[in-house]
Amino acid sequence: KTKGNIYFVIQSLESLYLDGVLFVDTSLGQWQWDDIEIKAWRNGRHNVVDLIRKKINRLPIDVQTVLTTAACIGAEFEENLLTKSTPTSDVPTALQQALENGLIVEQER
């Protein structure tokens, strides 16, 4: 399904985990999965865009708002400009959540 695209592999596994299809059975100390759900997922129409959209939709609305505003600014943006451009009061926290979820990357200065 992923055709060797490592980013798609990671996003797919993360999505399966967050959806509860792939999980750790702590009593056995190993990963488990729901065969029926895995087959249904495999037969479904998934692509990286769908997985990223799903990931963004799981985030709080403030983070979604900041990401939307950042996307309008462009591929690179300054936190100061973003703070002035978005109605969200806690832009640094929203950016940190987006960073932790792998949706943005911090530029070296």
Protein backbone atom coordinates (compact mmCIF):
# COMPACT_ATOMS: atom_id res chain seq x y z
CA LYS A 1 0.00 0.00 0.00
CA THR A 2 2.77 2.46 0.89
CA LYS A 3 5.01 1.54 -2.06
CA GLY A 4 8.09 2.00 0.13
CA ASN A 5 7.38 5.65 0.96
CA ILE A 6 8.74 5.80 4.53
CA TYR A 7 6.69 8.90 5.38
CA PHE A 8 3.52 7.09 4.29
CA VAL A 9 4.58 4.00 6.31
CA ILE A 10 5.03 6.10 9.46
CA GLN A 11 1.76 8.00 8.96
CA SER A 12 -0.09 4.75 8.25
CA LEU A 13 1.20 3.04 11.40
CA GLU A 14 0.46 6.11 13.49
CA SER A 15 -3.07 6.30 12.11
CA LEU A 16 -3.69 2.61 12.79
CA TYR A 17 -2.39 3.07 16.34
CA LEU A 18 -4.46 6.19 17.03
CA ASP A 19 -7.56 4.48 15.65
CA GLY A 20 -7.00 1.57 18.04
CA VAL A 21 -6.50 -0.96 15.25
CA LEU A 22 -2.85 -1.50 16.23
CA PHE A 23 -2.18 -1.55 19.97
CA VAL A 24 0.15 -2.84 22.67
CA ASP A 25 -1.22 -5.65 24.82
CA THR A 26 0.55 -4.85 28.08
CA SER A 27 -0.33 -8.21 29.60
CA LEU A 28 1.52 -9.98 26.77
CA GLY A 29 4.09 -7.24 26.24
CA GLN A 30 3.61 -7.25 22.48
CA TRP A 31 1.85 -5.48 19.65
CA GLN A 32 -1.59 -6.76 18.64
CA TRP A 33 -3.99 -5.79 15.87
CA ASP A 34 -7.50 -6.35 14.67
CA ASP A 35 -7.18 -8.47 11.49
CA ILE A 36 -10.58 -7.42 10.14
CA GLU A 37 -9.86 -3.72 10.65
CA ILE A 38 -6.39 -4.04 9.11
CA LYS A 39 -7.87 -5.71 6.02
CA ALA A 40 -10.59 -3.06 5.80
CA TRP A 41 -7.99 -0.32 6.11
CA ARG A 42 -5.76 -1.95 3.49
CA ASN A 43 -8.68 -2.18 1.06
CA GLY A 44 -9.70 1.42 1.71
CA ARG A 45 -8.55 4.44 -0.19
CA HIS A 46 -5.79 6.03 1.85
CA ASN A 47 -3.06 8.40 0.84
CA VAL A 48 -0.68 10.69 2.68
CA VAL A 49 -2.99 13.68 2.30
CA ASP A 50 -5.89 11.79 3.90
CA LEU A 51 -3.70 10.66 6.79
CA ILE A 52 -2.36 14.18 7.41
CA ARG A 53 -5.88 15.64 7.23
CA LYS A 54 -7.04 13.08 9.79
CA LYS A 55 -4.07 13.91 12.02
CA ILE A 56 -4.81 17.64 11.87
CA ASN A 57 -8.50 17.06 12.61
CA ARG A 58 -7.55 15.25 15.84
CA LEU A 59 -5.79 18.37 17.15
CA PRO A 60 -7.47 21.11 19.19
CA ILE A 61 -9.19 23.83 17.15
CA ASP A 62 -6.59 26.44 18.22
CA VAL A 63 -3.82 24.36 16.67
CA GLN A 64 -5.87 23.88 13.50
CA THR A 65 -6.46 27.64 13.32
CA VAL A 66 -2.75 28.40 13.71
CA LEU A 67 -1.84 25.83 11.03
CA THR A 68 -4.42 27.28 8.65
CA THR A 69 -3.08 30.80 9.17
CA ALA A 70 0.51 29.59 8.80
CA ALA A 71 -0.39 27.87 5.52
CA CYS A 72 -1.83 31.14 4.23
CA ILE A 73 1.40 32.96 5.11
CA GLY A 74 3.52 30.42 3.26
CA ALA A 75 6.01 27.57 3.62
CA GLU A 76 8.06 29.66 6.04
CA PHE A 77 6.66 32.03 8.63
CA GLU A 78 7.74 34.01 11.66
CA GLU A 79 6.02 33.29 14.96
CA ASN A 80 5.64 37.04 15.52
CA LEU A 81 3.70 37.51 12.26
CA LEU A 82 1.60 34.45 13.00
CA THR A 83 0.75 35.80 16.46
CA LYS A 84 -0.48 39.04 14.90
CA SER A 85 -2.41 37.22 12.16
CA THR A 86 -4.40 34.63 14.08
CA PRO A 87 -7.22 34.95 16.63
CA THR A 88 -5.65 32.18 18.74
CA SER A 89 -4.30 33.58 21.99
CA ASP A 90 -1.58 31.00 22.65
CA VAL A 91 0.29 30.65 19.38
CA PRO A 92 3.52 29.28 20.95
CA THR A 93 1.64 26.36 22.54
CA ALA A 94 -0.23 25.65 19.30
CA LEU A 95 3.03 25.69 17.35
CA GLN A 96 4.62 23.34 19.88
CA GLN A 97 1.74 20.87 19.45
CA ALA A 98 2.06 21.08 15.66
CA LEU A 99 5.81 20.52 15.97
CA GLU A 100 5.33 17.52 18.30
CA ASN A 101 2.89 16.01 15.81
CA GLY A 102 5.35 16.38 12.94
CA LEU A 103 3.21 18.86 11.05
CA ILE A 104 5.80 21.65 11.01
CA VAL A 105 9.56 21.76 11.38
CA GLU A 106 11.61 24.38 13.13
CA GLN A 107 14.18 26.19 10.98
CA GLU A 108 17.75 26.50 12.16
CA ARG A 109 18.70 30.12 12.70
